[in-house]
Every structure is written in C-alpha cells, then in structure tokens.
Amino acid sequence: MNLKERITEDMKSAMRAKDSETLGTIRLLQSAMKQKEVDERIVLDDAAVVAIVDKMIKQRKDSIAAFEQAQRQDLVEKEKAELTVLSAYLPERLSAQAVTDAVKAIVAELGASGPGDMGKVMGVVKTRLAGKADMGAVSAAVKAALAG
C-alpha cells in the first residue's frame, strides 16, 4: 500500500471513529495533494506526498511559534494536534549524526570547498535526503561542513 492509499484508509477510519480532528487534518492533506495533482497534471508518488507533508509540518511549526508569541494557547493546541497527525506520514528521520555524515560524504564527493559551493551541495543533498531529514538541520550541516 502506498502512502496515498494509506492516507485514504486513515481518513475512512477517522470517519468511522467520528474523530473530527484527525479527519479534518487528513482532509487538509488530501486537499493539498489533489491541488498539486491538478495544478501539475501528475499522479503523486510517495516522495511527492512526503514533500507535501513536510511543507504542511513546517507551516504548523511556524504557526505554533506565532500563536505562542501571541499567547493563544487554544490555537497552539489545535496546531500541535494537526502536527501529530501529519508526522505519522513521514518516513523515519535520520539522526543528526547520520545527516552530518551524509553531508560530509556529499561534500567530499563533489569536491566542494567553501561557502561558494553551498548551492551545488544543497541541490544534491535535497534530492538524496528529501523526506528523510529536516531541511533546516541539513542546511546547517552543509554550512558547517563547508566552513570547516
């Protein structure tokens, strides 16, 4: 069963269980997936679905930070609940050490040296680590590898 089918099955389960919060989050995810398919006239594979989930998770984290700053605990709780539901659809994340090791290997492979090669390295890193690691942490690891 691919990721898209799993999301559909989870939506059906949430409907049966009358779990409106989970159902709402899954419907938002399906809406984003459908929008991408219609806009680009493609059928999403698992990697594309993971990219959408990643984007939605980043949006939730940004919203949580903004709501905490505004002291809106009710909205923080709602966003955290959505974040939990969305996180279930991500593959196992790499550890910080694994990300650092992968970045160092790619830097060595490309022969990159210095911050000027950041774009070249990030292009390769994004394709290899997409969905497997937080891109913010990856970017920091690339900067550190190129600085030292």
Protein backbone atom coordinates (compact mmCIF):
# COMPACT_ATOMS: atom_id res chain seq x y z
CA MET A 1 0.00 0.00 0.00
CA ASN A 2 1.48 3.33 -0.99
CA LEU A 3 1.33 6.45 1.16
CA LYS A 4 -1.59 7.98 -0.71
CA GLU A 5 -3.70 4.85 -0.19
CA ARG A 6 -2.72 4.75 3.48
CA ILE A 7 -3.89 8.34 3.95
CA THR A 8 -7.23 7.48 2.31
CA GLU A 9 -7.65 4.43 4.57
CA ASP A 10 -6.81 6.54 7.63
CA MET A 11 -9.44 9.05 6.56
CA LYS A 12 -12.05 6.28 6.36
CA SER A 13 -11.02 5.03 9.81
CA ALA A 14 -11.30 8.53 11.26
CA MET A 15 -14.77 8.85 9.73
CA ARG A 16 -15.87 5.55 11.28
CA ALA A 17 -14.42 6.54 14.66
CA LYS A 18 -16.01 10.00 14.40
CA ASP A 19 -12.59 11.54 15.12
CA SER A 20 -13.27 15.00 13.70
CA GLU A 21 -9.84 16.49 14.49
CA THR A 22 -7.90 13.73 12.73
CA LEU A 23 -10.42 13.70 9.90
CA GLY A 24 -10.06 17.45 9.38
CA THR A 25 -6.27 17.23 9.24
CA ILE A 26 -6.32 14.32 6.80
CA ARG A 27 -8.79 16.19 4.60
CA LEU A 28 -6.46 19.21 4.56
CA LEU A 29 -3.63 16.91 3.49
CA GLN A 30 -5.73 15.27 0.78
CA SER A 31 -6.80 18.68 -0.46
CA ALA A 32 -3.16 19.78 -0.77
CA MET A 33 -2.31 16.54 -2.59
CA LYS A 34 -5.23 16.91 -5.00
CA GLN A 35 -4.34 20.55 -5.65
CA LYS A 36 -0.78 19.57 -6.60
CA GLU A 37 -2.04 16.79 -8.88
CA VAL A 38 -4.48 19.11 -10.65
CA ASP A 39 -2.04 22.03 -10.94
CA GLU A 40 0.79 19.95 -12.36
CA ARG A 41 -1.33 17.27 -14.09
CA ILE A 42 0.58 14.45 -12.42
CA VAL A 43 -0.10 11.49 -10.15
CA LEU A 44 1.78 11.88 -6.88
CA ASP A 45 4.26 9.24 -5.80
CA ASP A 46 5.33 8.68 -2.19
CA ALA A 47 8.22 11.17 -2.44
CA ALA A 48 5.90 13.94 -3.61
CA VAL A 49 3.41 13.15 -0.84
CA VAL A 50 6.22 13.28 1.75
CA ALA A 51 7.27 16.68 0.36
CA ILE A 52 3.70 17.97 0.82
CA VAL A 53 3.55 16.57 4.36
CA ASP A 54 6.92 18.19 5.12
CA LYS A 55 5.65 21.54 3.89
CA MET A 56 2.48 21.26 5.97
CA ILE A 57 4.50 20.33 9.06
CA LYS A 58 6.73 23.36 8.57
CA GLN A 59 3.61 25.54 8.31
CA ARG A 60 2.27 24.07 11.56
CA LYS A 61 5.57 24.71 13.37
CA ASP A 62 5.61 28.32 12.15
CA SER A 63 2.00 28.76 13.27
CA ILE A 64 2.74 27.28 16.69
CA ALA A 65 5.58 29.76 17.19
CA ALA A 66 3.37 32.68 16.16
CA PHE A 67 0.45 31.59 18.33
CA GLU A 68 2.72 31.04 21.35
CA GLN A 69 4.09 34.55 20.90
CA ALA A 70 0.52 35.86 20.75
CA GLN A 71 -0.36 33.73 23.82
CA ARG A 72 -3.16 31.87 22.01
CA GLN A 73 -2.90 28.50 23.74
CA ASP A 74 -6.15 27.24 22.20
CA LEU A 75 -4.73 27.63 18.70
CA VAL A 76 -1.36 26.20 19.76
CA GLU A 77 -3.08 23.00 20.93
CA LYS A 78 -5.02 22.71 17.64
CA GLU A 79 -1.83 23.12 15.57
CA LYS A 80 0.05 20.60 17.74
CA ALA A 81 -2.74 18.07 17.24
CA GLU A 82 -2.52 18.55 13.46
CA LEU A 83 1.28 18.27 13.66
CA THR A 84 0.95 14.89 15.40
CA VAL A 85 -1.41 13.55 12.73
CA LEU A 86 0.82 14.76 9.88
CA SER A 87 4.02 13.43 11.46
CA ALA A 88 2.66 9.89 11.20
CA TYR A 89 3.03 10.06 7.41
CA LEU A 90 6.73 10.89 7.39
CA PRO A 91 9.33 8.16 6.97
CA GLU A 92 11.81 7.50 9.76
CA ARG A 93 14.04 10.57 10.18
CA LEU A 94 17.81 10.37 10.12
CA SER A 95 19.69 11.22 13.30
CA ALA A 96 21.78 14.40 13.48
CA GLN A 97 24.95 12.33 13.20
CA ALA A 98 23.65 10.48 10.13
CA VAL A 99 22.77 13.80 8.46
CA THR A 100 26.23 15.19 9.21
CA ASP A 101 27.90 12.04 7.84
CA ALA A 102 25.78 12.11 4.68
CA VAL A 103 26.53 15.79 4.10
CA LYS A 104 30.28 15.26 4.59
CA ALA A 105 30.21 12.38 2.10
CA ILE A 106 28.38 14.51 -0.49
CA VAL A 107 30.77 17.45 0.04
CA ALA A 108 33.75 15.13 -0.46
CA GLU A 109 32.11 13.52 -3.50
CA LEU A 110 31.51 16.89 -5.16
CA GLY A 111 34.90 18.27 -4.14
CA ALA A 112 33.17 21.31 -2.69
CA SER A 113 35.23 23.75 -0.68
CA GLY A 114 33.93 26.91 0.89
CA PRO A 115 30.59 28.68 1.18
CA GLY A 116 30.53 29.44 -2.55
CA ASP A 117 29.63 25.81 -3.25
CA MET A 118 26.59 25.88 -0.95
CA GLY A 119 24.05 25.86 -3.82
CA LYS A 120 25.72 22.98 -5.63
CA VAL A 121 25.89 20.88 -2.45
CA MET A 122 22.32 21.71 -1.36
CA GLY A 123 20.99 20.65 -4.77
CA VAL A 124 22.44 17.16 -4.37
CA VAL A 125 21.64 16.93 -0.65
CA LYS A 126 17.97 17.83 -1.21
CA THR A 127 17.49 15.03 -3.72
CA ARG A 128 19.19 12.42 -1.54
CA LEU A 129 17.79 13.38 1.86
CA ALA A 130 14.33 14.67 0.90
CA GLY A 131 11.80 13.38 3.41
CA LYS A 132 14.49 11.65 5.45
CA ALA A 133 15.71 14.69 7.35
CA ASP A 134 14.62 18.18 8.37
CA MET A 135 15.98 20.51 5.69
CA GLY A 136 16.76 23.20 8.29
CA ALA A 137 19.13 20.80 10.04
CA VAL A 138 20.54 19.69 6.68
CA SER A 139 21.26 23.28 5.68
CA ALA A 140 23.06 23.90 8.98
CA ALA A 141 25.12 20.72 8.46
CA VAL A 142 26.07 21.84 4.93
CA LYS A 143 27.15 25.28 6.21
CA ALA A 144 29.23 23.66 8.94
CA ALA A 145 30.84 21.20 6.51
CA LEU A 146 31.73 23.95 4.04
CA ALA A 147 33.01 26.33 6.73
CA GLY A 148 35.36 23.82 8.31
